[in-house]
Amino acid sequence: MHLIPTVITNDGRGERAYDIYSRLLKDGVIFVRGPIDDD
């Protein structure tokens, strides 16, 4: 079983829990594994 880390944020309306990948995507952080081709 794989464990995915969670992040807890406080947005003024209460606490919210995100999995780490959703939180990074919300901040515009993405990971690319492999070359990027414009074709």
N, C-alpha and C. Protein backbone atom coordinates (compact mmCIF):
# COMPACT_ATOMS: atom_id res chain seq x y z
N MET A 1 0.85 -1.18 0.00
CA MET A 1 0.00 0.00 0.00
C MET A 1 0.89 1.24 0.00
N HIS A 2 0.56 2.20 -0.86
CA HIS A 2 1.31 3.44 -0.96
C HIS A 2 0.65 4.51 -0.10
N LEU A 3 1.44 5.24 0.62
CA LEU A 3 0.93 6.35 1.41
C LEU A 3 1.19 7.65 0.66
N ILE A 4 0.18 8.49 0.55
CA ILE A 4 0.32 9.78 -0.10
C ILE A 4 0.26 10.85 0.98
N PRO A 5 1.29 11.69 1.07
CA PRO A 5 1.28 12.74 2.10
C PRO A 5 0.13 13.72 1.90
N THR A 6 -0.35 14.26 3.00
CA THR A 6 -1.40 15.27 2.93
C THR A 6 -0.89 16.58 3.52
N VAL A 7 -1.50 17.66 3.06
CA VAL A 7 -1.16 19.00 3.52
C VAL A 7 -2.44 19.61 4.08
N ILE A 8 -2.35 20.21 5.24
CA ILE A 8 -3.51 20.86 5.85
C ILE A 8 -3.30 22.36 5.77
N THR A 9 -4.27 23.06 5.19
CA THR A 9 -4.18 24.51 5.06
C THR A 9 -5.35 25.16 5.79
N ASN A 10 -5.15 26.40 6.17
CA ASN A 10 -6.20 27.19 6.80
C ASN A 10 -6.50 28.35 5.87
N ASP A 11 -7.69 28.34 5.25
CA ASP A 11 -8.02 29.36 4.25
C ASP A 11 -8.97 30.44 4.77
N GLY A 12 -9.10 30.58 6.05
CA GLY A 12 -9.98 31.59 6.62
C GLY A 12 -11.38 31.06 6.90
N ARG A 13 -11.78 30.03 6.18
CA ARG A 13 -13.09 29.41 6.40
C ARG A 13 -12.96 28.12 7.18
N GLY A 14 -11.75 27.79 7.54
CA GLY A 14 -11.50 26.55 8.27
C GLY A 14 -10.32 25.81 7.66
N GLU A 15 -10.06 24.67 8.22
CA GLU A 15 -8.94 23.87 7.73
C GLU A 15 -9.39 22.96 6.60
N ARG A 16 -8.48 22.76 5.66
CA ARG A 16 -8.73 21.88 4.52
C ARG A 16 -7.56 20.96 4.33
N ALA A 17 -7.82 19.72 4.03
CA ALA A 17 -6.75 18.75 3.79
C ALA A 17 -6.68 18.42 2.30
N TYR A 18 -5.50 18.48 1.74
CA TYR A 18 -5.25 18.14 0.34
C TYR A 18 -4.21 17.04 0.29
N ASP A 19 -4.30 16.18 -0.73
CA ASP A 19 -3.15 15.32 -0.97
C ASP A 19 -2.08 16.21 -1.59
N ILE A 20 -0.83 15.84 -1.43
CA ILE A 20 0.28 16.71 -1.80
C ILE A 20 0.25 17.07 -3.28
N TYR A 21 -0.17 16.14 -4.14
CA TYR A 21 -0.19 16.39 -5.58
C TYR A 21 -1.26 17.42 -5.95
N SER A 22 -2.43 17.35 -5.33
CA SER A 22 -3.48 18.34 -5.60
C SER A 22 -3.06 19.72 -5.12
N ARG A 23 -2.38 19.77 -3.99
CA ARG A 23 -1.93 21.06 -3.46
C ARG A 23 -0.88 21.69 -4.37
N LEU A 24 0.07 20.90 -4.84
CA LEU A 24 1.08 21.44 -5.75
C LEU A 24 0.44 21.90 -7.05
N LEU A 25 -0.53 21.16 -7.58
CA LEU A 25 -1.23 21.56 -8.80
C LEU A 25 -2.00 22.85 -8.58
N LYS A 26 -2.60 23.02 -7.43
CA LYS A 26 -3.33 24.26 -7.10
C LYS A 26 -2.39 25.46 -7.14
N ASP A 27 -1.14 25.26 -6.72
CA ASP A 27 -0.14 26.33 -6.74
C ASP A 27 0.55 26.47 -8.09
N GLY A 28 0.17 25.64 -9.06
CA GLY A 28 0.76 25.73 -10.40
C GLY A 28 2.08 25.00 -10.53
N VAL A 29 2.39 24.11 -9.61
CA VAL A 29 3.64 23.35 -9.67
C VAL A 29 3.33 22.00 -10.31
N ILE A 30 4.01 21.70 -11.41
CA ILE A 30 3.80 20.41 -12.07
C ILE A 30 5.15 19.71 -12.24
N PHE A 31 5.10 18.41 -12.38
CA PHE A 31 6.30 17.61 -12.60
C PHE A 31 6.19 16.99 -13.98
N VAL A 32 7.27 17.08 -14.75
CA VAL A 32 7.31 16.47 -16.07
C VAL A 32 8.36 15.37 -16.04
N ARG A 33 7.95 14.19 -16.41
CA ARG A 33 8.88 13.06 -16.46
C ARG A 33 9.07 12.66 -17.91
N GLY A 34 10.11 13.16 -18.52
CA GLY A 34 10.40 12.83 -19.90
C GLY A 34 10.54 14.09 -20.74
N PRO A 35 10.96 13.91 -21.97
CA PRO A 35 11.18 15.06 -22.84
C PRO A 35 9.86 15.71 -23.28
N ILE A 36 9.93 16.99 -23.58
CA ILE A 36 8.79 17.73 -24.12
C ILE A 36 9.08 17.98 -25.59
N ASP A 37 8.15 17.59 -26.45
CA ASP A 37 8.32 17.71 -27.90
C ASP A 37 7.22 18.60 -28.46
N ASP A 38 7.58 19.62 -29.22
CA ASP A 38 6.60 20.55 -29.79
C ASP A 38 5.86 20.00 -31.00
N ASP A 39 6.28 18.86 -31.52
CA ASP A 39 5.64 18.31 -32.74
C ASP A 39 4.27 17.82 -32.48
